[in-house]
């Protein structure tokens, strides 16, 4: 089972983007979004 559903994928990415930006991990929201996108496939990948 996936922890996150496809319906709240965008909301999760937006929240994570804002969090990373707030924490100063990345300087721009575009950079943080790119980082989140890299982990998106892992988070939503089906478990065999």
PDB file of N, CA and C in Angstrom:
ATOM      1  N   UNK A   1       0.843  -1.197   0.000  1.00  0.00           N
ATOM      2  CA  UNK A   1       0.000   0.000   0.000  1.00  0.00           C
ATOM      3  C   UNK A   1       0.881   1.252   0.000  1.00  0.00           C
ATOM      4  N   UNK A   2       0.417   2.240  -0.745  1.00  0.00           N
ATOM      5  CA  UNK A   2       1.139   3.509  -0.760  1.00  0.00           C
ATOM      6  C   UNK A   2       0.710   4.351   0.425  1.00  0.00           C
ATOM      7  N   UNK A   3       1.671   5.042   1.001  1.00  0.00           N
ATOM      8  CA  UNK A   3       1.348   5.907   2.136  1.00  0.00           C
ATOM      9  C   UNK A   3       0.472   7.068   1.679  1.00  0.00           C
ATOM     10  N   UNK A   4       0.807   7.614   0.510  1.00  0.00           N
ATOM     11  CA  UNK A   4       0.059   8.745  -0.013  1.00  0.00           C
ATOM     12  C   UNK A   4      -0.781   8.294  -1.198  1.00  0.00           C
ATOM     13  N   UNK A   5      -1.947   8.884  -1.335  1.00  0.00           N
ATOM     14  CA  UNK A   5      -2.796   8.567  -2.469  1.00  0.00           C
ATOM     15  C   UNK A   5      -2.529   9.543  -3.596  1.00  0.00           C
ATOM     16  N   UNK A   6      -2.869   9.150  -4.793  1.00  0.00           N
ATOM     17  CA  UNK A   6      -2.611   9.997  -5.947  1.00  0.00           C
ATOM     18  C   UNK A   6      -3.373  11.316  -5.840  1.00  0.00           C
ATOM     19  N   UNK A   7      -4.509  11.289  -5.123  1.00  0.00           N
ATOM     20  CA  UNK A   7      -5.322  12.491  -5.014  1.00  0.00           C
ATOM     21  C   UNK A   7      -4.606  13.614  -4.265  1.00  0.00           C
ATOM     22  N   UNK A   8      -3.820  13.259  -3.255  1.00  0.00           N
ATOM     23  CA  UNK A   8      -3.166  14.311  -2.476  1.00  0.00           C
ATOM     24  C   UNK A   8      -1.687  14.451  -2.823  1.00  0.00           C
ATOM     25  N   UNK A   9      -1.307  13.953  -3.982  1.00  0.00           N
ATOM     26  CA  UNK A   9       0.087  14.042  -4.402  1.00  0.00           C
ATOM     27  C   UNK A   9       0.525  15.494  -4.509  1.00  0.00           C
ATOM     28  N   UNK A  10      -0.247  16.297  -5.216  1.00  0.00           N
ATOM     29  CA  UNK A  10       0.111  17.687  -5.438  1.00  0.00           C
ATOM     30  C   UNK A  10       0.149  18.460  -4.124  1.00  0.00           C
ATOM     31  N   UNK A  11      -0.803  18.191  -3.244  1.00  0.00           N
ATOM     32  CA  UNK A  11      -0.836  18.867  -1.952  1.00  0.00           C
ATOM     33  C   UNK A  11       0.399  18.506  -1.133  1.00  0.00           C
ATOM     34  N   UNK A  12       0.788  17.249  -1.189  1.00  0.00           N
ATOM     35  CA  UNK A  12       1.971  16.805  -0.456  1.00  0.00           C
ATOM     36  C   UNK A  12       3.222  17.491  -0.982  1.00  0.00           C
ATOM     37  N   UNK A  13       3.348  17.561  -2.300  1.00  0.00           N
ATOM     38  CA  UNK A  13       4.519  18.192  -2.905  1.00  0.00           C
ATOM     39  C   UNK A  13       4.556  19.674  -2.561  1.00  0.00           C
ATOM     40  N   UNK A  14       3.409  20.330  -2.598  1.00  0.00           N
ATOM     41  CA  UNK A  14       3.360  21.752  -2.274  1.00  0.00           C
ATOM     42  C   UNK A  14       3.759  21.987  -0.826  1.00  0.00           C
ATOM     43  N   UNK A  15       3.249  21.171   0.090  1.00  0.00           N
ATOM     44  CA  UNK A  15       3.581  21.317   1.504  1.00  0.00           C
ATOM     45  C   UNK A  15       5.062  21.079   1.739  1.00  0.00           C
ATOM     46  N   UNK A  16       5.600  20.057   1.104  1.00  0.00           N
ATOM     47  CA  UNK A  16       7.018  19.743   1.274  1.00  0.00           C
ATOM     48  C   UNK A  16       7.887  20.852   0.684  1.00  0.00           C
ATOM     49  N   UNK A  17       7.428  21.417  -0.426  1.00  0.00           N
ATOM     50  CA  UNK A  17       8.170  22.510  -1.050  1.00  0.00           C
ATOM     51  C   UNK A  17       8.228  23.704  -0.118  1.00  0.00           C
ATOM     52  N   UNK A  18       7.095  24.050   0.466  1.00  0.00           N
ATOM     53  CA  UNK A  18       7.042  25.176   1.391  1.00  0.00           C
ATOM     54  C   UNK A  18       7.905  24.910   2.621  1.00  0.00           C
ATOM     55  N   UNK A  19       7.889  23.674   3.094  1.00  0.00           N
ATOM     56  CA  UNK A  19       8.666  23.323   4.278  1.00  0.00           C
ATOM     57  C   UNK A  19      10.162  23.460   4.004  1.00  0.00           C
ATOM     58  N   UNK A  20      10.617  22.903   2.892  1.00  0.00           N
ATOM     59  CA  UNK A  20      12.034  22.987   2.549  1.00  0.00           C
ATOM     60  C   UNK A  20      12.457  24.439   2.365  1.00  0.00           C
ATOM     61  N   UNK A  21      11.582  25.232   1.748  1.00  0.00           N
ATOM     62  CA  UNK A  21      11.893  26.635   1.517  1.00  0.00           C
ATOM     63  C   UNK A  21      11.977  27.380   2.852  1.00  0.00           C
ATOM     64  N   UNK A  22      11.046  27.067   3.750  1.00  0.00           N
ATOM     65  CA  UNK A  22      11.011  27.727   5.056  1.00  0.00           C
ATOM     66  C   UNK A  22      12.248  27.379   5.875  1.00  0.00           C
ATOM     67  N   UNK A  23      12.668  26.139   5.794  1.00  0.00           N
ATOM     68  CA  UNK A  23      13.822  25.700   6.569  1.00  0.00           C
ATOM     69  C   UNK A  23      15.137  26.197   5.980  1.00  0.00           C
ATOM     70  N   UNK A  24      15.062  26.745   4.752  1.00  0.00           N
ATOM     71  CA  UNK A  24      16.271  27.277   4.140  1.00  0.00           C
ATOM     72  C   UNK A  24      17.146  26.204   3.529  1.00  0.00           C
ATOM     73  N   UNK A  25      16.592  25.006   3.347  1.00  0.00           N
ATOM     74  CA  UNK A  25      17.367  23.934   2.741  1.00  0.00           C
ATOM     75  C   UNK A  25      17.671  24.278   1.291  1.00  0.00           C
ATOM     76  N   UNK A  26      16.714  24.916   0.652  1.00  0.00           N
ATOM     77  CA  UNK A  26      16.907  25.362  -0.718  1.00  0.00           C
ATOM     78  C   UNK A  26      16.551  26.833  -0.795  1.00  0.00           C
ATOM     79  N   UNK A  27      17.088  27.522  -1.794  1.00  0.00           N
ATOM     80  CA  UNK A  27      16.888  28.968  -1.862  1.00  0.00           C
ATOM     81  C   UNK A  27      15.640  29.359  -2.645  1.00  0.00           C
ATOM     82  N   UNK A  28      15.198  28.496  -3.540  1.00  0.00           N
ATOM     83  CA  UNK A  28      14.019  28.825  -4.325  1.00  0.00           C
ATOM     84  C   UNK A  28      13.033  27.681  -4.310  1.00  0.00           C
ATOM     85  N   UNK A  29      11.777  27.996  -4.496  1.00  0.00           N
ATOM     86  CA  UNK A  29      10.752  26.959  -4.498  1.00  0.00           C
ATOM     87  C   UNK A  29      10.938  26.025  -5.678  1.00  0.00           C
ATOM     88  N   UNK A  30      11.504  26.535  -6.773  1.00  0.00           N
ATOM     89  CA  UNK A  30      11.735  25.679  -7.939  1.00  0.00           C
ATOM     90  C   UNK A  30      12.739  24.580  -7.599  1.00  0.00           C
ATOM     91  N   UNK A  31      13.787  24.936  -6.862  1.00  0.00           N
ATOM     92  CA  UNK A  31      14.789  23.940  -6.484  1.00  0.00           C
ATOM     93  C   UNK A  31      14.182  22.885  -5.571  1.00  0.00           C
ATOM     94  N   UNK A  32      13.391  23.333  -4.592  1.00  0.00           N
ATOM     95  CA  UNK A  32      12.809  22.370  -3.659  1.00  0.00           C
ATOM     96  C   UNK A  32      11.801  21.479  -4.365  1.00  0.00           C
ATOM     97  N   UNK A  33      11.048  22.042  -5.304  1.00  0.00           N
ATOM     98  CA  UNK A  33      10.088  21.226  -6.052  1.00  0.00           C
ATOM     99  C   UNK A  33      10.818  20.151  -6.848  1.00  0.00           C
ATOM    100  N   UNK A  34      11.949  20.493  -7.413  1.00  0.00           N
ATOM    101  CA  UNK A  34      12.718  19.517  -8.178  1.00  0.00           C
ATOM    102  C   UNK A  34      13.189  18.382  -7.266  1.00  0.00           C
ATOM    103  N   UNK A  35      13.584  18.737  -6.049  1.00  0.00           N
ATOM    104  CA  UNK A  35      14.024  17.719  -5.095  1.00  0.00           C
ATOM    105  C   UNK A  35      12.871  16.797  -4.736  1.00  0.00           C
ATOM    106  N   UNK A  36      11.715  17.391  -4.470  1.00  0.00           N
ATOM    107  CA  UNK A  36      10.548  16.587  -4.114  1.00  0.00           C
ATOM    108  C   UNK A  36      10.156  15.672  -5.266  1.00  0.00           C
ATOM    109  N   UNK A  37      10.230  16.185  -6.487  1.00  0.00           N
ATOM    110  CA  UNK A  37       9.869  15.365  -7.646  1.00  0.00           C
ATOM    111  C   UNK A  37      10.762  14.138  -7.755  1.00  0.00           C
ATOM    112  N   UNK A  38      12.010  14.273  -7.339  1.00  0.00           N
ATOM    113  CA  UNK A  38      12.935  13.141  -7.411  1.00  0.00           C
ATOM    114  C   UNK A  38      12.478  12.008  -6.499  1.00  0.00           C
ATOM    115  N   UNK A  39      11.881  12.358  -5.360  1.00  0.00           N
ATOM    116  CA  UNK A  39      11.438  11.336  -4.417  1.00  0.00           C
ATOM    117  C   UNK A  39      10.001  10.908  -4.650  1.00  0.00           C
ATOM    118  N   UNK A  40       9.310  11.617  -5.549  1.00  0.00           N
ATOM    119  CA  UNK A  40       7.897  11.322  -5.779  1.00  0.00           C
ATOM    120  C   UNK A  40       7.702   9.889  -6.288  1.00  0.00           C
ATOM    121  N   UNK A  41       8.513   9.480  -7.241  1.00  0.00           N
ATOM    122  CA  UNK A  41       8.380   8.132  -7.793  1.00  0.00           C
ATOM    123  C   UNK A  41       8.631   7.074  -6.720  1.00  0.00           C
ATOM    124  N   UNK A  42       9.570   7.362  -5.824  1.00  0.00           N
ATOM    125  CA  UNK A  42       9.860   6.418  -4.749  1.00  0.00           C
ATOM    126  C   UNK A  42       8.672   6.320  -3.795  1.00  0.00           C
ATOM    127  N   UNK A  43       8.096   7.469  -3.444  1.00  0.00           N
ATOM    128  CA  UNK A  43       6.992   7.482  -2.488  1.00  0.00           C
ATOM    129  C   UNK A  43       5.755   6.789  -3.041  1.00  0.00           C
ATOM    130  N   UNK A  44       5.530   6.948  -4.352  1.00  0.00           N
ATOM    131  CA  UNK A  44       4.295   6.429  -4.925  1.00  0.00           C
ATOM    132  C   UNK A  44       4.513   5.156  -5.740  1.00  0.00           C
ATOM    133  N   UNK A  45       5.721   4.636  -5.691  1.00  0.00           N
ATOM    134  CA  UNK A  45       5.981   3.411  -6.450  1.00  0.00           C
ATOM    135  C   UNK A  45       5.246   2.237  -5.811  1.00  0.00           C
ATOM    136  N   UNK A  46       4.627   1.396  -6.612  1.00  0.00           N
ATOM    137  CA  UNK A  46       3.928   0.231  -6.074  1.00  0.00           C
ATOM    138  C   UNK A  46       4.908  -0.761  -5.460  1.00  0.00           C
ATOM    139  N   UNK A  47       4.486  -1.370  -4.375  1.00  0.00           N
ATOM    140  CA  UNK A  47       5.339  -2.349  -3.708  1.00  0.00           C
ATOM    141  C   UNK A  47       5.005  -3.744  -4.222  1.00  0.00           C
ATOM    142  N   UNK A  48       6.000  -4.415  -4.725  1.00  0.00           N
ATOM    143  CA  UNK A  48       5.758  -5.763  -5.254  1.00  0.00           C
ATOM    144  C   UNK A  48       5.648  -6.779  -4.123  1.00  0.00           C
TER     145      UNK A  48
END
